[in-house]
Amino acid sequence: EVGVFMDTEVSPDCPAGQLYFRPDEIVNAGRLFAAQILDEPIT
C-alpha cells in the first residue's frame, strides 16, 4: 500500500534534514489525501 499524507508532524527529537520517518517518529499523522493498494507487492 501507498498513501499521500498532508500536514504530518514529526517528533521534535528527529534531526533537522531527516526525510524518512518511521511511525514511532510521527506525533500527528496528518490527513490521508490519497491511497492505493499496489497491484503487485513490492519486496
PDB file of all heavy atoms in Angstrom:
ATOM      1  N   GLU A   1       0.831  -1.201   0.000  1.00  0.00           N
ATOM      2  CA  GLU A   1       0.000   0.000   0.000  1.00  0.00           C
ATOM      3  C   GLU A   1       0.867   1.253   0.000  1.00  0.00           C
ATOM      4  O   GLU A   1       1.991   1.244   0.490  1.00  0.00           O
ATOM      5  CB  GLU A   1      -0.940   0.009   1.205  1.00  0.00           C
ATOM      6  CG  GLU A   1      -0.206  -0.062   2.531  1.00  0.00           C
ATOM      7  CD  GLU A   1      -1.126  -0.135   3.736  1.00  0.00           C
ATOM      8  OE1 GLU A   1      -2.323   0.172   3.612  1.00  0.00           O
ATOM      9  OE2 GLU A   1      -0.631  -0.492   4.814  1.00  0.00           O
ATOM     10  N   VAL A   2       0.309   2.308  -0.584  1.00  0.00           N
ATOM     11  CA  VAL A   2       0.986   3.599  -0.663  1.00  0.00           C
ATOM     12  C   VAL A   2      -0.058   4.671  -0.373  1.00  0.00           C
ATOM     13  O   VAL A   2      -1.224   4.532  -0.757  1.00  0.00           O
ATOM     14  CB  VAL A   2       1.586   3.827  -2.068  1.00  0.00           C
ATOM     15  CG1 VAL A   2       2.188   5.212  -2.192  1.00  0.00           C
ATOM     16  CG2 VAL A   2       2.634   2.777  -2.389  1.00  0.00           C
ATOM     17  N   GLY A   3       0.370   5.731   0.289  1.00  0.00           N
ATOM     18  CA  GLY A   3      -0.533   6.834   0.563  1.00  0.00           C
ATOM     19  C   GLY A   3       0.199   8.158   0.550  1.00  0.00           C
ATOM     20  O   GLY A   3       1.418   8.209   0.740  1.00  0.00           O
ATOM     21  N   VAL A   4      -0.548   9.226   0.326  1.00  0.00           N
ATOM     22  CA  VAL A   4      -0.013  10.582   0.387  1.00  0.00           C
ATOM     23  C   VAL A   4      -0.675  11.271   1.573  1.00  0.00           C
ATOM     24  O   VAL A   4      -1.903  11.308   1.653  1.00  0.00           O
ATOM     25  CB  VAL A   4      -0.287  11.371  -0.903  1.00  0.00           C
ATOM     26  CG1 VAL A   4       0.239  12.801  -0.781  1.00  0.00           C
ATOM     27  CG2 VAL A   4       0.327  10.665  -2.107  1.00  0.00           C
ATOM     28  N   PHE A   5       0.150  11.781   2.473  1.00  0.00           N
ATOM     29  CA  PHE A   5      -0.344  12.477   3.661  1.00  0.00           C
ATOM     30  C   PHE A   5      -0.001  13.954   3.580  1.00  0.00           C
ATOM     31  O   PHE A   5       1.079  14.326   3.106  1.00  0.00           O
ATOM     32  CB  PHE A   5       0.277  11.886   4.930  1.00  0.00           C
ATOM     33  CG  PHE A   5      -0.320  10.581   5.342  1.00  0.00           C
ATOM     34  CD1 PHE A   5       0.139   9.392   4.794  1.00  0.00           C
ATOM     35  CD2 PHE A   5      -1.343  10.539   6.275  1.00  0.00           C
ATOM     36  CE1 PHE A   5      -0.403   8.179   5.177  1.00  0.00           C
ATOM     37  CE2 PHE A   5      -1.904   9.319   6.657  1.00  0.00           C
ATOM     38  CZ  PHE A   5      -1.432   8.143   6.115  1.00  0.00           C
ATOM     39  N   MET A   6      -0.927  14.762   4.080  1.00  0.00           N
ATOM     40  CA  MET A   6      -0.715  16.207   4.206  1.00  0.00           C
ATOM     41  C   MET A   6      -0.596  16.547   5.687  1.00  0.00           C
ATOM     42  O   MET A   6      -1.302  15.977   6.513  1.00  0.00           O
ATOM     43  CB  MET A   6      -1.924  16.978   3.647  1.00  0.00           C
ATOM     44  CG  MET A   6      -2.151  16.795   2.184  1.00  0.00           C
ATOM     45  SD  MET A   6      -3.694  17.535   1.552  1.00  0.00           S
ATOM     46  CE  MET A   6      -3.982  18.918   2.581  1.00  0.00           C
ATOM     47  N   ASP A   7       0.305  17.485   5.995  1.00  0.00           N
ATOM     48  CA  ASP A   7       0.416  18.069   7.331  1.00  0.00           C
ATOM     49  C   ASP A   7       0.894  17.102   8.402  1.00  0.00           C
ATOM     50  O   ASP A   7       0.519  17.220   9.571  1.00  0.00           O
ATOM     51  CB  ASP A   7      -0.910  18.719   7.751  1.00  0.00           C
ATOM     52  CG  ASP A   7      -1.333  19.825   6.805  1.00  0.00           C
ATOM     53  OD1 ASP A   7      -0.444  20.510   6.264  1.00  0.00           O
ATOM     54  OD2 ASP A   7      -2.547  20.009   6.602  1.00  0.00           O
ATOM     55  N   THR A   8       1.749  16.164   8.043  1.00  0.00           N
ATOM     56  CA  THR A   8       2.370  15.289   9.030  1.00  0.00           C
ATOM     57  C   THR A   8       3.215  16.125   9.987  1.00  0.00           C
ATOM     58  O   THR A   8       3.908  17.047   9.567  1.00  0.00           O
ATOM     59  CB  THR A   8       3.296  14.262   8.322  1.00  0.00           C
ATOM     60  OG1 THR A   8       2.499  13.430   7.494  1.00  0.00           O
ATOM     61  CG2 THR A   8       4.056  13.406   9.317  1.00  0.00           C
ATOM     62  N   GLU A   9       3.151  15.794  11.256  1.00  0.00           N
ATOM     63  CA  GLU A   9       4.022  16.418  12.253  1.00  0.00           C
ATOM     64  C   GLU A   9       4.925  15.331  12.826  1.00  0.00           C
ATOM     65  O   GLU A   9       4.441  14.312  13.309  1.00  0.00           O
ATOM     66  CB  GLU A   9       3.203  17.054  13.368  1.00  0.00           C
ATOM     67  CG  GLU A   9       2.348  18.213  12.900  1.00  0.00           C
ATOM     68  CD  GLU A   9       1.450  18.747  14.007  1.00  0.00           C
ATOM     69  OE1 GLU A   9       1.834  18.665  15.200  1.00  0.00           O
ATOM     70  OE2 GLU A   9       0.365  19.244  13.681  1.00  0.00           O
ATOM     71  N   VAL A  10       6.220  15.570  12.735  1.00  0.00           N
ATOM     72  CA  VAL A  10       7.183  14.589  13.229  1.00  0.00           C
ATOM     73  C   VAL A  10       7.693  15.004  14.604  1.00  0.00           C
ATOM     74  O   VAL A  10       7.582  16.157  15.011  1.00  0.00           O
ATOM     75  CB  VAL A  10       8.351  14.392  12.240  1.00  0.00           C
ATOM     76  CG1 VAL A  10       7.828  13.882  10.906  1.00  0.00           C
ATOM     77  CG2 VAL A  10       9.146  15.653  12.068  1.00  0.00           C
ATOM     78  N   SER A  11       8.285  14.061  15.295  1.00  0.00           N
ATOM     79  CA  SER A  11       8.809  14.309  16.632  1.00  0.00           C
ATOM     80  C   SER A  11       9.875  15.399  16.592  1.00  0.00           C
ATOM     81  O   SER A  11      10.726  15.419  15.695  1.00  0.00           O
ATOM     82  CB  SER A  11       9.427  13.017  17.185  1.00  0.00           C
ATOM     83  OG  SER A  11      10.162  13.289  18.357  1.00  0.00           O
ATOM     84  N   PRO A  12       9.858  16.291  17.574  1.00  0.00           N
ATOM     85  CA  PRO A  12      10.904  17.320  17.635  1.00  0.00           C
ATOM     86  C   PRO A  12      12.285  16.715  17.908  1.00  0.00           C
ATOM     87  O   PRO A  12      13.302  17.394  17.726  1.00  0.00           O
ATOM     88  CB  PRO A  12      10.453  18.236  18.771  1.00  0.00           C
ATOM     89  CG  PRO A  12       9.455  17.462  19.557  1.00  0.00           C
ATOM     90  CD  PRO A  12       8.869  16.435  18.633  1.00  0.00           C
ATOM     91  N   ASP A  13      12.336  15.449  18.305  1.00  0.00           N
ATOM     92  CA  ASP A  13      13.614  14.777  18.548  1.00  0.00           C
ATOM     93  C   ASP A  13      14.298  14.338  17.253  1.00  0.00           C
ATOM     94  O   ASP A  13      15.470  13.962  17.283  1.00  0.00           O
ATOM     95  CB  ASP A  13      13.408  13.551  19.446  1.00  0.00           C
ATOM     96  CG  ASP A  13      12.864  13.917  20.813  1.00  0.00           C
ATOM     97  OD1 ASP A  13      13.115  15.061  21.271  1.00  0.00           O
ATOM     98  OD2 ASP A  13      12.172  13.077  21.419  1.00  0.00           O
ATOM     99  N   CYS A  14      13.568  14.364  16.138  1.00  0.00           N
ATOM    100  CA  CYS A  14      14.163  13.972  14.861  1.00  0.00           C
ATOM    101  C   CYS A  14      15.160  15.046  14.415  1.00  0.00           C
ATOM    102  O   CYS A  14      14.882  16.241  14.552  1.00  0.00           O
ATOM    103  CB  CYS A  14      13.086  13.792  13.790  1.00  0.00           C
ATOM    104  SG  CYS A  14      12.001  12.393  14.087  1.00  0.00           S
ATOM    105  N   PRO A  15      16.299  14.625  13.872  1.00  0.00           N
ATOM    106  CA  PRO A  15      17.291  15.618  13.431  1.00  0.00           C
ATOM    107  C   PRO A  15      16.798  16.442  12.244  1.00  0.00           C
ATOM    108  O   PRO A  15      16.043  15.945  11.402  1.00  0.00           O
ATOM    109  CB  PRO A  15      18.501  14.766  13.032  1.00  0.00           C
ATOM    110  CG  PRO A  15      18.050  13.362  12.993  1.00  0.00           C
ATOM    111  CD  PRO A  15      16.739  13.249  13.692  1.00  0.00           C
ATOM    112  N   ALA A  16      17.230  17.696  12.208  1.00  0.00           N
ATOM    113  CA  ALA A  16      16.902  18.563  11.072  1.00  0.00           C
ATOM    114  C   ALA A  16      17.419  17.912   9.798  1.00  0.00           C
ATOM    115  O   ALA A  16      18.505  17.336   9.780  1.00  0.00           O
ATOM    116  CB  ALA A  16      17.530  19.940  11.267  1.00  0.00           C
ATOM    117  N   GLY A  17      16.629  17.982   8.752  1.00  0.00           N
ATOM    118  CA  GLY A  17      17.038  17.409   7.470  1.00  0.00           C
ATOM    119  C   GLY A  17      16.654  15.956   7.280  1.00  0.00           C
ATOM    120  O   GLY A  17      16.836  15.410   6.198  1.00  0.00           O
ATOM    121  N   GLN A  18      16.125  15.312   8.309  1.00  0.00           N
ATOM    122  CA  GLN A  18      15.675  13.927   8.160  1.00  0.00           C
ATOM    123  C   GLN A  18      14.507  13.903   7.191  1.00  0.00           C
ATOM    124  O   GLN A  18      13.605  14.727   7.271  1.00  0.00           O
ATOM    125  CB  GLN A  18      15.272  13.358   9.520  1.00  0.00           C
ATOM    126  CG  GLN A  18      14.821  11.915   9.462  1.00  0.00           C
ATOM    127  CD  GLN A  18      14.559  11.337  10.851  1.00  0.00           C
ATOM    128  OE1 GLN A  18      15.094  11.811  11.847  1.00  0.00           O
ATOM    129  NE2 GLN A  18      13.725  10.313  10.911  1.00  0.00           N
ATOM    130  N   LEU A  19      14.498  12.950   6.257  1.00  0.00           N
ATOM    131  CA  LEU A  19      13.468  12.892   5.220  1.00  0.00           C
ATOM    132  C   LEU A  19      12.550  11.678   5.338  1.00  0.00           C
ATOM    133  O   LEU A  19      11.445  11.679   4.802  1.00  0.00           O
ATOM    134  CB  LEU A  19      14.114  12.901   3.835  1.00  0.00           C
ATOM    135  CG  LEU A  19      14.965  14.128   3.502  1.00  0.00           C
ATOM    136  CD1 LEU A  19      15.635  13.960   2.148  1.00  0.00           C
ATOM    137  CD2 LEU A  19      14.132  15.391   3.537  1.00  0.00           C
ATOM    138  N   TYR A  20      13.010  10.608   6.003  1.00  0.00           N
ATOM    139  CA  TYR A  20      12.220   9.385   6.148  1.00  0.00           C
ATOM    140  C   TYR A  20      11.862   9.230   7.617  1.00  0.00           C
ATOM    141  O   TYR A  20      12.713   9.407   8.494  1.00  0.00           O
ATOM    142  CB  TYR A  20      13.006   8.166   5.665  1.00  0.00           C
ATOM    143  CG  TYR A  20      12.217   6.878   5.727  1.00  0.00           C
ATOM    144  CD1 TYR A  20      11.282   6.576   4.746  1.00  0.00           C
ATOM    145  CD2 TYR A  20      12.398   5.970   6.764  1.00  0.00           C
ATOM    146  CE1 TYR A  20      10.553   5.389   4.792  1.00  0.00           C
ATOM    147  CE2 TYR A  20      11.673   4.780   6.811  1.00  0.00           C
ATOM    148  CZ  TYR A  20      10.755   4.504   5.824  1.00  0.00           C
ATOM    149  OH  TYR A  20      10.029   3.331   5.869  1.00  0.00           O
ATOM    150  N   PHE A  21      10.599   8.870   7.866  1.00  0.00           N
ATOM    151  CA  PHE A  21      10.128   8.771   9.241  1.00  0.00           C
ATOM    152  C   PHE A  21       9.366   7.472   9.454  1.00  0.00           C
ATOM    153  O   PHE A  21       8.465   7.132   8.687  1.00  0.00           O
ATOM    154  CB  PHE A  21       9.210   9.956   9.563  1.00  0.00           C
ATOM    155  CG  PHE A  21       9.885  11.280   9.344  1.00  0.00           C
ATOM    156  CD1 PHE A  21       9.748  11.936   8.134  1.00  0.00           C
ATOM    157  CD2 PHE A  21      10.680  11.837  10.329  1.00  0.00           C
ATOM    158  CE1 PHE A  21      10.384  13.151   7.906  1.00  0.00           C
ATOM    159  CE2 PHE A  21      11.323  13.049  10.113  1.00  0.00           C
ATOM    160  CZ  PHE A  21      11.183  13.704   8.897  1.00  0.00           C
ATOM    161  N   ARG A  22       9.743   6.754  10.495  1.00  0.00           N
ATOM    162  CA  ARG A  22       9.009   5.559  10.911  1.00  0.00           C
ATOM    163  C   ARG A  22       7.791   5.992  11.737  1.00  0.00           C
ATOM    164  O   ARG A  22       7.752   7.113  12.251  1.00  0.00           O
ATOM    165  CB  ARG A  22       9.915   4.659  11.751  1.00  0.00           C
ATOM    166  CG  ARG A  22      11.114   4.102  10.997  1.00  0.00           C
ATOM    167  CD  ARG A  22      11.965   3.203  11.913  1.00  0.00           C
ATOM    168  NE  ARG A  22      12.163   3.749  13.248  1.00  0.00           N
ATOM    169  CZ  ARG A  22      13.142   4.593  13.598  1.00  0.00           C
ATOM    170  NH1 ARG A  22      14.029   4.998  12.709  1.00  0.00           N
ATOM    171  NH2 ARG A  22      13.237   5.029  14.844  1.00  0.00           N
ATOM    172  N   PRO A  23       6.791   5.148  11.891  1.00  0.00           N
ATOM    173  CA  PRO A  23       5.598   5.534  12.652  1.00  0.00           C
ATOM    174  C   PRO A  23       5.902   6.046  14.065  1.00  0.00           C
ATOM    175  O   PRO A  23       5.221   6.948  14.550  1.00  0.00           O
ATOM    176  CB  PRO A  23       4.765   4.250  12.681  1.00  0.00           C
ATOM    177  CG  PRO A  23       5.125   3.565  11.410  1.00  0.00           C
ATOM    178  CD  PRO A  23       6.617   3.835  11.247  1.00  0.00           C
ATOM    179  N   ASP A  24       6.922   5.505  14.729  1.00  0.00           N
ATOM    180  CA  ASP A  24       7.240   5.951  16.091  1.00  0.00           C
ATOM    181  C   ASP A  24       7.877   7.348  16.123  1.00  0.00           C
ATOM    182  O   ASP A  24       8.057   7.924  17.194  1.00  0.00           O
ATOM    183  CB  ASP A  24       8.137   4.938  16.808  1.00  0.00           C
ATOM    184  CG  ASP A  24       9.492   4.766  16.162  1.00  0.00           C
ATOM    185  OD1 ASP A  24       9.591   4.787  14.915  1.00  0.00           O
ATOM    186  OD2 ASP A  24      10.489   4.609  16.904  1.00  0.00           O
ATOM    187  N   GLU A  25       8.194   7.911  14.951  1.00  0.00           N
ATOM    188  CA  GLU A  25       8.772   9.250  14.873  1.00  0.00           C
ATOM    189  C   GLU A  25       7.726  10.300  14.475  1.00  0.00           C
ATOM    190  O   GLU A  25       8.054  11.462  14.274  1.00  0.00           O
ATOM    191  CB  GLU A  25       9.922   9.268  13.864  1.00  0.00           C
ATOM    192  CG  GLU A  25      11.080   8.375  14.278  1.00  0.00           C
ATOM    193  CD  GLU A  25      12.147   8.266  13.209  1.00  0.00           C
ATOM    194  OE1 GLU A  25      11.802   7.960  12.047  1.00  0.00           O
ATOM    195  OE2 GLU A  25      13.326   8.489  13.552  1.00  0.00           O
ATOM    196  N   ILE A  26       6.473   9.877  14.372  1.00  0.00           N
ATOM    197  CA  ILE A  26       5.393  10.764  13.932  1.00  0.00           C
ATOM    198  C   ILE A  26       4.479  11.053  15.120  1.00  0.00           C
ATOM    199  O   ILE A  26       3.987  10.133  15.764  1.00  0.00           O
ATOM    200  CB  ILE A  26       4.607  10.113  12.773  1.00  0.00           C
ATOM    201  CG1 ILE A  26       5.539   9.930  11.569  1.00  0.00           C
ATOM    202  CG2 ILE A  26       3.388  10.944  12.411  1.00  0.00           C
ATOM    203  CD1 ILE A  26       4.983   9.075  10.473  1.00  0.00           C
ATOM    204  N   VAL A  27       4.260  12.336  15.415  1.00  0.00           N
ATOM    205  CA  VAL A  27       3.378  12.703  16.523  1.00  0.00           C
ATOM    206  C   VAL A  27       1.964  13.012  16.041  1.00  0.00           C
ATOM    207  O   VAL A  27       1.018  12.921  16.803  1.00  0.00           O
ATOM    208  CB  VAL A  27       3.955  13.875  17.355  1.00  0.00           C
ATOM    209  CG1 VAL A  27       5.241  13.468  18.043  1.00  0.00           C
ATOM    210  CG2 VAL A  27       4.175  15.110  16.515  1.00  0.00           C
ATOM    211  N   ASN A  28       1.816  13.396  14.772  1.00  0.00           N
ATOM    212  CA  ASN A  28       0.500  13.621  14.172  1.00  0.00           C
ATOM    213  C   ASN A  28       0.589  13.175  12.717  1.00  0.00           C
ATOM    214  O   ASN A  28       1.334  13.762  11.943  1.00  0.00           O
ATOM    215  CB  ASN A  28       0.099  15.094  14.265  1.00  0.00           C
ATOM    216  CG  ASN A  28      -1.263  15.374  13.645  1.00  0.00           C
ATOM    217  OD1 ASN A  28      -1.859  14.533  12.983  1.00  0.00           O
ATOM    218  ND2 ASN A  28      -1.751  16.584  13.862  1.00  0.00           N
ATOM    219  N   ALA A  29      -0.163  12.155  12.370  1.00  0.00           N
ATOM    220  CA  ALA A  29      -0.081  11.577  11.019  1.00  0.00           C
ATOM    221  C   ALA A  29      -0.533  12.548   9.939  1.00  0.00           C
ATOM    222  O   ALA A  29      -0.140  12.414   8.785  1.00  0.00           O
ATOM    223  CB  ALA A  29      -0.905  10.304  10.932  1.00  0.00           C
ATOM    224  N   GLY A  30      -1.344  13.528  10.289  1.00  0.00           N
ATOM    225  CA  GLY A  30      -1.890  14.424   9.280  1.00  0.00           C
ATOM    226  C   GLY A  30      -3.086  13.784   8.602  1.00  0.00           C
ATOM    227  O   GLY A  30      -3.700  12.860   9.133  1.00  0.00           O
ATOM    228  N   ARG A  31      -3.402  14.269   7.423  1.00  0.00           N
ATOM    229  CA  ARG A  31      -4.566  13.766   6.678  1.00  0.00           C
ATOM    230  C   ARG A  31      -4.119  12.918   5.494  1.00  0.00           C
ATOM    231  O   ARG A  31      -3.244  13.323   4.730  1.00  0.00           O
ATOM    232  CB  ARG A  31      -5.411  14.924   6.163  1.00  0.00           C
ATOM    233  CG  ARG A  31      -6.066  15.717   7.249  1.00  0.00           C
ATOM    234  CD  ARG A  31      -7.084  16.693   6.670  1.00  0.00           C
ATOM    235  NE  ARG A  31      -7.655  17.512   7.707  1.00  0.00           N
ATOM    236  CZ  ARG A  31      -8.691  17.159   8.461  1.00  0.00           C
ATOM    237  NH1 ARG A  31      -9.263  15.993   8.275  1.00  0.00           N
ATOM    238  NH2 ARG A  31      -9.157  17.967   9.384  1.00  0.00           N
ATOM    239  N   LEU A  32      -4.753  11.764   5.355  1.00  0.00           N
ATOM    240  CA  LEU A  32      -4.505  10.898   4.212  1.00  0.00           C
ATOM    241  C   LEU A  32      -5.236  11.494   3.018  1.00  0.00           C
ATOM    242  O   LEU A  32      -6.465  11.534   2.975  1.00  0.00           O
ATOM    243  CB  LEU A  32      -4.994   9.478   4.495  1.00  0.00           C
ATOM    244  CG  LEU A  32      -4.797   8.450   3.388  1.00  0.00           C
ATOM    245  CD1 LEU A  32      -3.325   8.280   3.029  1.00  0.00           C
ATOM    246  CD2 LEU A  32      -5.405   7.116   3.805  1.00  0.00           C
ATOM    247  N   PHE A  33      -4.476  11.988   2.066  1.00  0.00           N
ATOM    248  CA  PHE A  33      -5.022  12.678   0.897  1.00  0.00           C
ATOM    249  C   PHE A  33      -5.377  11.695  -0.222  1.00  0.00           C
ATOM    250  O   PHE A  33      -6.390  11.833  -0.891  1.00  0.00           O
ATOM    251  CB  PHE A  33      -4.000  13.713   0.417  1.00  0.00           C
ATOM    252  CG  PHE A  33      -4.242  14.249  -0.954  1.00  0.00           C
ATOM    253  CD1 PHE A  33      -5.359  15.012  -1.226  1.00  0.00           C
ATOM    254  CD2 PHE A  33      -3.360  13.988  -1.976  1.00  0.00           C
ATOM    255  CE1 PHE A  33      -5.587  15.504  -2.499  1.00  0.00           C
ATOM    256  CE2 PHE A  33      -3.574  14.478  -3.248  1.00  0.00           C
ATOM    257  CZ  PHE A  33      -4.698  15.238  -3.508  1.00  0.00           C
ATOM    258  N   ALA A  34      -4.523  10.707  -0.441  1.00  0.00           N
ATOM    259  CA  ALA A  34      -4.740   9.711  -1.491  1.00  0.00           C
ATOM    260  C   ALA A  34      -4.133   8.392  -1.024  1.00  0.00           C
ATOM    261  O   ALA A  34      -3.144   8.388  -0.293  1.00  0.00           O
ATOM    262  CB  ALA A  34      -4.087  10.165  -2.801  1.00  0.00           C
ATOM    263  N   ALA A  35      -4.729   7.284  -1.442  1.00  0.00           N
ATOM    264  CA  ALA A  35      -4.224   5.968  -1.048  1.00  0.00           C
ATOM    265  C   ALA A  35      -4.434   4.976  -2.181  1.00  0.00           C
ATOM    266  O   ALA A  35      -5.339   5.139  -2.997  1.00  0.00           O
ATOM    267  CB  ALA A  35      -4.933   5.482   0.211  1.00  0.00           C
ATOM    268  N   GLN A  36      -3.581   3.976  -2.189  1.00  0.00           N
ATOM    269  CA  GLN A  36      -3.636   2.975  -3.253  1.00  0.00           C
ATOM    270  C   GLN A  36      -3.134   1.640  -2.731  1.00  0.00           C
ATOM    271  O   GLN A  36      -2.126   1.575  -2.026  1.00  0.00           O
ATOM    272  CB  GLN A  36      -2.754   3.438  -4.415  1.00  0.00           C
ATOM    273  CG  GLN A  36      -2.618   2.475  -5.536  1.00  0.00           C
ATOM    274  CD  GLN A  36      -1.690   2.996  -6.636  1.00  0.00           C
ATOM    275  OE1 GLN A  36      -1.159   4.098  -6.568  1.00  0.00           O
ATOM    276  NE2 GLN A  36      -1.478   2.187  -7.642  1.00  0.00           N
ATOM    277  N   ILE A  37      -3.844   0.578  -3.083  1.00  0.00           N
ATOM    278  CA  ILE A  37      -3.349  -0.776  -2.871  1.00  0.00           C
ATOM    279  C   ILE A  37      -2.548  -1.121  -4.116  1.00  0.00           C
ATOM    280  O   ILE A  37      -3.026  -0.937  -5.240  1.00  0.00           O
ATOM    281  CB  ILE A  37      -4.501  -1.772  -2.660  1.00  0.00           C
ATOM    282  CG1 ILE A  37      -5.285  -1.418  -1.389  1.00  0.00           C
ATOM    283  CG2 ILE A  37      -3.972  -3.203  -2.597  1.00  0.00           C
ATOM    284  CD1 ILE A  37      -6.565  -2.212  -1.192  1.00  0.00           C
ATOM    285  N   LEU A  38      -1.334  -1.596  -3.933  1.00  0.00           N
ATOM    286  CA  LEU A  38      -0.470  -1.904  -5.067  1.00  0.00           C
ATOM    287  C   LEU A  38      -0.931  -3.176  -5.763  1.00  0.00           C
ATOM    288  O   LEU A  38      -1.266  -4.167  -5.105  1.00  0.00           O
ATOM    289  CB  LEU A  38       0.976  -2.061  -4.603  1.00  0.00           C
ATOM    290  CG  LEU A  38       1.583  -0.830  -3.920  1.00  0.00           C
ATOM    291  CD1 LEU A  38       2.969  -1.161  -3.377  1.00  0.00           C
ATOM    292  CD2 LEU A  38       1.649   0.334  -4.893  1.00  0.00           C
ATOM    293  N   ASP A  39      -0.954  -3.146  -7.089  1.00  0.00           N
ATOM    294  CA  ASP A  39      -1.364  -4.325  -7.866  1.00  0.00           C
ATOM    295  C   ASP A  39      -0.483  -5.527  -7.552  1.00  0.00           C
ATOM    296  O   ASP A  39      -0.960  -6.646  -7.490  1.00  0.00           O
ATOM    297  CB  ASP A  39      -1.297  -4.038  -9.368  1.00  0.00           C
ATOM    298  CG  ASP A  39      -2.452  -3.189  -9.848  1.00  0.00           C
ATOM    299  OD1 ASP A  39      -3.513  -3.201  -9.202  1.00  0.00           O
ATOM    300  OD2 ASP A  39      -2.296  -2.501 -10.858  1.00  0.00           O
ATOM    301  N   GLU A  40       0.804  -5.284  -7.394  1.00  0.00           N
ATOM    302  CA  GLU A  40       1.767  -6.338  -7.053  1.00  0.00           C
ATOM    303  C   GLU A  40       2.572  -5.855  -5.857  1.00  0.00           C
ATOM    304  O   GLU A  40       3.076  -4.728  -5.874  1.00  0.00           O
ATOM    305  CB  GLU A  40       2.723  -6.605  -8.219  1.00  0.00           C
ATOM    306  CG  GLU A  40       2.074  -7.109  -9.477  1.00  0.00           C
ATOM    307  CD  GLU A  40       1.595  -8.543  -9.369  1.00  0.00           C
ATOM    308  OE1 GLU A  40       2.172  -9.302  -8.563  1.00  0.00           O
ATOM    309  OE2 GLU A  40       0.637  -8.889 -10.082  1.00  0.00           O
ATOM    310  N   PRO A  41       2.707  -6.671  -4.811  1.00  0.00           N
ATOM    311  CA  PRO A  41       3.537  -6.253  -3.683  1.00  0.00           C
ATOM    312  C   PRO A  41       4.973  -5.962  -4.136  1.00  0.00           C
ATOM    313  O   PRO A  41       5.477  -6.573  -5.075  1.00  0.00           O
ATOM    314  CB  PRO A  41       3.510  -7.453  -2.745  1.00  0.00           C
ATOM    315  CG  PRO A  41       2.289  -8.212  -3.120  1.00  0.00           C
ATOM    316  CD  PRO A  41       2.125  -7.996  -4.601  1.00  0.00           C
ATOM    317  N   ILE A  42       5.594  -5.023  -3.459  1.00  0.00           N
ATOM    318  CA  ILE A  42       6.999  -4.691  -3.708  1.00  0.00           C
ATOM    319  C   ILE A  42       7.808  -5.312  -2.577  1.00  0.00           C
ATOM    320  O   ILE A  42       7.600  -4.983  -1.406  1.00  0.00           O
ATOM    321  CB  ILE A  42       7.229  -3.165  -3.714  1.00  0.00           C
ATOM    322  CG1 ILE A  42       6.446  -2.504  -4.844  1.00  0.00           C
ATOM    323  CG2 ILE A  42       8.717  -2.852  -3.806  1.00  0.00           C
ATOM    324  CD1 ILE A  42       6.453  -0.983  -4.775  1.00  0.00           C
ATOM    325  N   THR A  43       8.703  -6.212  -2.932  1.00  0.00           N
ATOM    326  CA  THR A  43       9.587  -6.800  -1.929  1.00  0.00           C
ATOM    327  C   THR A  43      10.869  -5.982  -1.903  1.00  0.00           C
ATOM    328  O   THR A  43      11.599  -5.935  -2.889  1.00  0.00           O
ATOM    329  CB  THR A  43       9.891  -8.280  -2.249  1.00  0.00           C
ATOM    330  OG1 THR A  43       8.643  -8.980  -2.327  1.00  0.00           O
ATOM    331  CG2 THR A  43      10.769  -8.893  -1.177  1.00  0.00           C
TER     332      THR A  43
END
